[in-house]
């Protein structure tokens, strides 16, 4: 019988960071509250949460990269909202943000999750920030908990077991 290795929603030891954009704050603040609420309800202490405020979605990957590179976090959650307008700006920003965070996640030794809304309308953003479609900030936090737990169960690349997902220490 195969051995299954999977994460749980019990937070591993370590701190969690939330990087959240100021732009579209009427949406991103709801995503932030959803993420914090989810983490705290699952046992992450307030003292183990750091929130980094970022000007806008385009700047998000550079901040997430620095947070990940610090090696201080078991998980990092990226939150933002890019709402389509009448110009091609939406495509440029949403594409670069998704690509940037995705690249960081692939290379990170800690859990990195993507909670950036890319929507056509303000109504869609509101629905995903805590009304009809749930709170995508909370969902990104749940994914981060599970992924950080899975990384811990898998063990660190540098040490072979134990403190997985804790940055670049020991490389």
C-alpha atoms as a PDB file:
ATOM      1  CA  UNK A   1       0.000   0.000   0.000  1.00  0.00           C
ATOM      2  CA  UNK A   2       1.378   3.441  -0.882  1.00  0.00           C
ATOM      3  CA  UNK A   3       2.346   5.914   1.784  1.00  0.00           C
ATOM      4  CA  UNK A   4       0.436   9.192   1.494  1.00  0.00           C
ATOM      5  CA  UNK A   5       2.142  12.393   2.580  1.00  0.00           C
ATOM      6  CA  UNK A   6      -0.113  15.405   2.844  1.00  0.00           C
ATOM      7  CA  UNK A   7      -0.492  18.607   4.751  1.00  0.00           C
ATOM      8  CA  UNK A   8      -2.986  19.363   7.477  1.00  0.00           C
ATOM      9  CA  UNK A   9      -4.543  22.577   8.660  1.00  0.00           C
ATOM     10  CA  UNK A  10      -2.576  22.492  11.895  1.00  0.00           C
ATOM     11  CA  UNK A  11       0.048  25.198  11.549  1.00  0.00           C
ATOM     12  CA  UNK A  12       3.664  24.104  11.687  1.00  0.00           C
ATOM     13  CA  UNK A  13       6.060  25.936  13.968  1.00  0.00           C
ATOM     14  CA  UNK A  14       7.061  29.246  12.516  1.00  0.00           C
ATOM     15  CA  UNK A  15       5.785  32.628  11.490  1.00  0.00           C
ATOM     16  CA  UNK A  16       3.451  33.565   8.652  1.00  0.00           C
ATOM     17  CA  UNK A  17       3.598  36.692   6.511  1.00  0.00           C
ATOM     18  CA  UNK A  18       0.787  38.337   4.597  1.00  0.00           C
ATOM     19  CA  UNK A  19       1.763  40.749   1.824  1.00  0.00           C
ATOM     20  CA  UNK A  20      -1.272  42.853   0.924  1.00  0.00           C
ATOM     21  CA  UNK A  21      -1.709  45.691  -1.551  1.00  0.00           C
ATOM     22  CA  UNK A  22      -3.050  49.122  -0.609  1.00  0.00           C
ATOM     23  CA  UNK A  23      -4.532  49.675  -4.068  1.00  0.00           C
ATOM     24  CA  UNK A  24      -8.221  48.678  -4.102  1.00  0.00           C
ATOM     25  CA  UNK A  25      -8.078  48.682  -0.296  1.00  0.00           C
ATOM     26  CA  UNK A  26     -11.867  48.432  -0.024  1.00  0.00           C
ATOM     27  CA  UNK A  27     -11.379  44.864  -1.326  1.00  0.00           C
ATOM     28  CA  UNK A  28      -7.902  43.967  -0.096  1.00  0.00           C
ATOM     29  CA  UNK A  29      -8.668  44.864   3.517  1.00  0.00           C
ATOM     30  CA  UNK A  30     -11.497  42.290   3.432  1.00  0.00           C
ATOM     31  CA  UNK A  31      -9.117  39.708   1.956  1.00  0.00           C
ATOM     32  CA  UNK A  32      -6.611  40.534   4.701  1.00  0.00           C
ATOM     33  CA  UNK A  33      -9.204  40.109   7.440  1.00  0.00           C
ATOM     34  CA  UNK A  34     -10.264  36.782   5.926  1.00  0.00           C
ATOM     35  CA  UNK A  35      -6.659  35.560   5.893  1.00  0.00           C
ATOM     36  CA  UNK A  36      -5.930  36.697   9.458  1.00  0.00           C
ATOM     37  CA  UNK A  37      -9.171  35.199  10.755  1.00  0.00           C
ATOM     38  CA  UNK A  38      -8.421  31.868   9.065  1.00  0.00           C
ATOM     39  CA  UNK A  39      -4.873  31.678  10.387  1.00  0.00           C
ATOM     40  CA  UNK A  40      -5.874  32.596  13.937  1.00  0.00           C
ATOM     41  CA  UNK A  41      -8.815  30.144  13.950  1.00  0.00           C
ATOM     42  CA  UNK A  42      -6.390  27.399  12.985  1.00  0.00           C
ATOM     43  CA  UNK A  43      -3.975  28.139  15.804  1.00  0.00           C
ATOM     44  CA  UNK A  44      -1.518  30.720  14.479  1.00  0.00           C
ATOM     45  CA  UNK A  45      -0.863  33.244  17.249  1.00  0.00           C
ATOM     46  CA  UNK A  46      -1.282  36.944  16.452  1.00  0.00           C
ATOM     47  CA  UNK A  47       2.345  37.376  17.510  1.00  0.00           C
ATOM     48  CA  UNK A  48       3.378  34.952  14.735  1.00  0.00           C
ATOM     49  CA  UNK A  49       1.759  37.046  11.976  1.00  0.00           C
ATOM     50  CA  UNK A  50       3.451  39.853  10.094  1.00  0.00           C
ATOM     51  CA  UNK A  51       1.544  42.015   7.599  1.00  0.00           C
ATOM     52  CA  UNK A  52       3.477  43.820   4.883  1.00  0.00           C
ATOM     53  CA  UNK A  53       1.581  46.594   3.103  1.00  0.00           C
ATOM     54  CA  UNK A  54       2.506  47.031  -0.557  1.00  0.00           C
ATOM     55  CA  UNK A  55       1.531  49.989  -2.784  1.00  0.00           C
ATOM     56  CA  UNK A  56      -0.037  47.952  -5.584  1.00  0.00           C
ATOM     57  CA  UNK A  57      -0.221  44.575  -7.270  1.00  0.00           C
ATOM     58  CA  UNK A  58       2.688  45.256  -9.616  1.00  0.00           C
ATOM     59  CA  UNK A  59       4.973  45.795  -6.585  1.00  0.00           C
ATOM     60  CA  UNK A  60       3.745  42.659  -4.806  1.00  0.00           C
ATOM     61  CA  UNK A  61       6.278  40.165  -6.242  1.00  0.00           C
ATOM     62  CA  UNK A  62       9.285  42.245  -5.199  1.00  0.00           C
ATOM     63  CA  UNK A  63       8.056  42.442  -1.606  1.00  0.00           C
ATOM     64  CA  UNK A  64       7.081  38.752  -1.505  1.00  0.00           C
ATOM     65  CA  UNK A  65      10.565  37.881  -2.828  1.00  0.00           C
ATOM     66  CA  UNK A  66      12.258  39.837  -0.017  1.00  0.00           C
ATOM     67  CA  UNK A  67       9.980  38.310   2.626  1.00  0.00           C
ATOM     68  CA  UNK A  68      10.654  34.781   1.337  1.00  0.00           C
ATOM     69  CA  UNK A  69      14.386  35.443   1.107  1.00  0.00           C
ATOM     70  CA  UNK A  70      14.475  36.544   4.755  1.00  0.00           C
ATOM     71  CA  UNK A  71      14.083  32.886   5.754  1.00  0.00           C
ATOM     72  CA  UNK A  72      11.902  33.858   8.721  1.00  0.00           C
ATOM     73  CA  UNK A  73       8.571  32.418   7.565  1.00  0.00           C
ATOM     74  CA  UNK A  74       6.894  29.032   7.261  1.00  0.00           C
ATOM     75  CA  UNK A  75       4.432  30.606   4.827  1.00  0.00           C
ATOM     76  CA  UNK A  76       3.803  33.772   2.829  1.00  0.00           C
ATOM     77  CA  UNK A  77       0.410  34.829   1.481  1.00  0.00           C
ATOM     78  CA  UNK A  78       0.143  37.361  -1.362  1.00  0.00           C
ATOM     79  CA  UNK A  79      -3.137  39.329  -1.443  1.00  0.00           C
ATOM     80  CA  UNK A  80      -4.351  41.936  -3.894  1.00  0.00           C
ATOM     81  CA  UNK A  81      -7.105  42.914  -6.311  1.00  0.00           C
ATOM     82  CA  UNK A  82      -6.716  43.843  -9.966  1.00  0.00           C
ATOM     83  CA  UNK A  83      -9.996  45.006 -11.494  1.00  0.00           C
ATOM     84  CA  UNK A  84     -10.351  45.302 -15.271  1.00  0.00           C
ATOM     85  CA  UNK A  85     -10.776  48.815 -16.617  1.00  0.00           C
ATOM     86  CA  UNK A  86     -11.096  50.289 -20.076  1.00  0.00           C
ATOM     87  CA  UNK A  87      -7.400  49.978 -20.981  1.00  0.00           C
ATOM     88  CA  UNK A  88      -4.952  47.080 -21.449  1.00  0.00           C
ATOM     89  CA  UNK A  89      -3.373  47.942 -18.073  1.00  0.00           C
ATOM     90  CA  UNK A  90      -5.294  45.035 -16.440  1.00  0.00           C
ATOM     91  CA  UNK A  91      -3.605  42.434 -18.655  1.00  0.00           C
ATOM     92  CA  UNK A  92      -0.134  43.812 -18.031  1.00  0.00           C
ATOM     93  CA  UNK A  93      -0.503  44.008 -14.264  1.00  0.00           C
ATOM     94  CA  UNK A  94      -2.401  40.764 -13.667  1.00  0.00           C
ATOM     95  CA  UNK A  95      -0.080  38.768 -15.916  1.00  0.00           C
ATOM     96  CA  UNK A  96       3.112  40.093 -14.362  1.00  0.00           C
ATOM     97  CA  UNK A  97       1.860  39.643 -10.811  1.00  0.00           C
ATOM     98  CA  UNK A  98       0.780  36.045 -11.425  1.00  0.00           C
ATOM     99  CA  UNK A  99       4.049  35.251 -13.204  1.00  0.00           C
ATOM    100  CA  UNK A 100       6.143  36.915 -10.496  1.00  0.00           C
ATOM    101  CA  UNK A 101       4.468  35.239  -7.536  1.00  0.00           C
ATOM    102  CA  UNK A 102       4.427  31.912  -9.385  1.00  0.00           C
ATOM    103  CA  UNK A 103       8.162  32.086 -10.017  1.00  0.00           C
ATOM    104  CA  UNK A 104       8.842  32.953  -6.382  1.00  0.00           C
ATOM    105  CA  UNK A 105       6.659  30.066  -5.197  1.00  0.00           C
ATOM    106  CA  UNK A 106       8.536  27.606  -7.407  1.00  0.00           C
ATOM    107  CA  UNK A 107      11.883  28.636  -5.946  1.00  0.00           C
ATOM    108  CA  UNK A 108      10.873  29.248  -2.319  1.00  0.00           C
ATOM    109  CA  UNK A 109      11.742  26.967   0.569  1.00  0.00           C
ATOM    110  CA  UNK A 110       8.572  28.070   2.349  1.00  0.00           C
ATOM    111  CA  UNK A 111       4.917  27.933   1.368  1.00  0.00           C
ATOM    112  CA  UNK A 112       3.842  30.788  -0.930  1.00  0.00           C
ATOM    113  CA  UNK A 113       0.194  31.193  -1.911  1.00  0.00           C
ATOM    114  CA  UNK A 114      -1.599  33.476  -4.347  1.00  0.00           C
ATOM    115  CA  UNK A 115      -4.672  35.375  -3.196  1.00  0.00           C
ATOM    116  CA  UNK A 116      -4.710  38.092  -5.833  1.00  0.00           C
ATOM    117  CA  UNK A 117      -8.120  38.646  -7.370  1.00  0.00           C
ATOM    118  CA  UNK A 118      -8.132  39.288 -11.105  1.00  0.00           C
ATOM    119  CA  UNK A 119     -11.708  40.208 -11.939  1.00  0.00           C
ATOM    120  CA  UNK A 120     -13.710  41.976 -14.606  1.00  0.00           C
ATOM    121  CA  UNK A 121     -15.933  44.040 -12.292  1.00  0.00           C
ATOM    122  CA  UNK A 122     -16.072  45.577  -8.843  1.00  0.00           C
ATOM    123  CA  UNK A 123     -19.072  43.350  -8.132  1.00  0.00           C
ATOM    124  CA  UNK A 124     -16.987  40.232  -8.805  1.00  0.00           C
ATOM    125  CA  UNK A 125     -14.289  41.528  -6.459  1.00  0.00           C
ATOM    126  CA  UNK A 126     -16.829  42.168  -3.708  1.00  0.00           C
ATOM    127  CA  UNK A 127     -18.273  38.660  -4.156  1.00  0.00           C
ATOM    128  CA  UNK A 128     -14.807  37.128  -3.703  1.00  0.00           C
ATOM    129  CA  UNK A 129     -13.899  39.277  -0.708  1.00  0.00           C
ATOM    130  CA  UNK A 130     -16.435  37.797   1.652  1.00  0.00           C
ATOM    131  CA  UNK A 131     -19.915  37.650   0.158  1.00  0.00           C
ATOM    132  CA  UNK A 132     -21.336  35.146  -2.370  1.00  0.00           C
ATOM    133  CA  UNK A 133     -18.082  33.489  -3.424  1.00  0.00           C
ATOM    134  CA  UNK A 134     -16.533  33.322   0.064  1.00  0.00           C
ATOM    135  CA  UNK A 135     -13.355  35.094   1.049  1.00  0.00           C
ATOM    136  CA  UNK A 136     -10.421  34.330  -1.241  1.00  0.00           C
ATOM    137  CA  UNK A 137      -8.032  35.733   1.376  1.00  0.00           C
ATOM    138  CA  UNK A 138      -9.183  33.043   3.784  1.00  0.00           C
ATOM    139  CA  UNK A 139      -8.830  30.423   1.049  1.00  0.00           C
ATOM    140  CA  UNK A 140      -5.255  31.537   0.319  1.00  0.00           C
ATOM    141  CA  UNK A 141      -4.501  31.293   4.059  1.00  0.00           C
ATOM    142  CA  UNK A 142      -5.926  27.747   4.190  1.00  0.00           C
ATOM    143  CA  UNK A 143      -3.785  26.752   1.219  1.00  0.00           C
ATOM    144  CA  UNK A 144      -0.743  28.299   2.907  1.00  0.00           C
ATOM    145  CA  UNK A 145      -1.367  26.364   6.141  1.00  0.00           C
ATOM    146  CA  UNK A 146      -1.754  23.102   4.258  1.00  0.00           C
ATOM    147  CA  UNK A 147       1.289  23.685   2.066  1.00  0.00           C
ATOM    148  CA  UNK A 148       3.503  24.755   5.005  1.00  0.00           C
ATOM    149  CA  UNK A 149       2.385  21.642   6.874  1.00  0.00           C
ATOM    150  CA  UNK A 150       3.130  19.472   3.825  1.00  0.00           C
ATOM    151  CA  UNK A 151       6.590  21.014   3.458  1.00  0.00           C
ATOM    152  CA  UNK A 152       7.236  20.265   7.128  1.00  0.00           C
ATOM    153  CA  UNK A 153       6.073  16.647   6.665  1.00  0.00           C
ATOM    154  CA  UNK A 154       8.378  16.300   3.645  1.00  0.00           C
ATOM    155  CA  UNK A 155      11.370  17.682   5.531  1.00  0.00           C
ATOM    156  CA  UNK A 156      13.817  20.370   4.522  1.00  0.00           C
ATOM    157  CA  UNK A 157      15.892  20.038   1.356  1.00  0.00           C
ATOM    158  CA  UNK A 158      18.959  21.146   3.269  1.00  0.00           C
ATOM    159  CA  UNK A 159      18.574  18.920   6.321  1.00  0.00           C
ATOM    160  CA  UNK A 160      16.602  16.005   4.902  1.00  0.00           C
ATOM    161  CA  UNK A 161      13.985  16.065   7.666  1.00  0.00           C
ATOM    162  CA  UNK A 162      12.323  18.256  10.215  1.00  0.00           C
ATOM    163  CA  UNK A 163      12.208  22.003   9.696  1.00  0.00           C
ATOM    164  CA  UNK A 164      10.966  22.082   6.096  1.00  0.00           C
ATOM    165  CA  UNK A 165       9.773  25.318   4.565  1.00  0.00           C
ATOM    166  CA  UNK A 166      11.862  27.725   6.595  1.00  0.00           C
ATOM    167  CA  UNK A 167      13.795  29.744   4.055  1.00  0.00           C
ATOM    168  CA  UNK A 168      17.328  29.399   2.729  1.00  0.00           C
ATOM    169  CA  UNK A 169      19.116  28.606   5.977  1.00  0.00           C
ATOM    170  CA  UNK A 170      21.409  25.613   5.803  1.00  0.00           C
ATOM    171  CA  UNK A 171      21.848  25.627   2.018  1.00  0.00           C
END
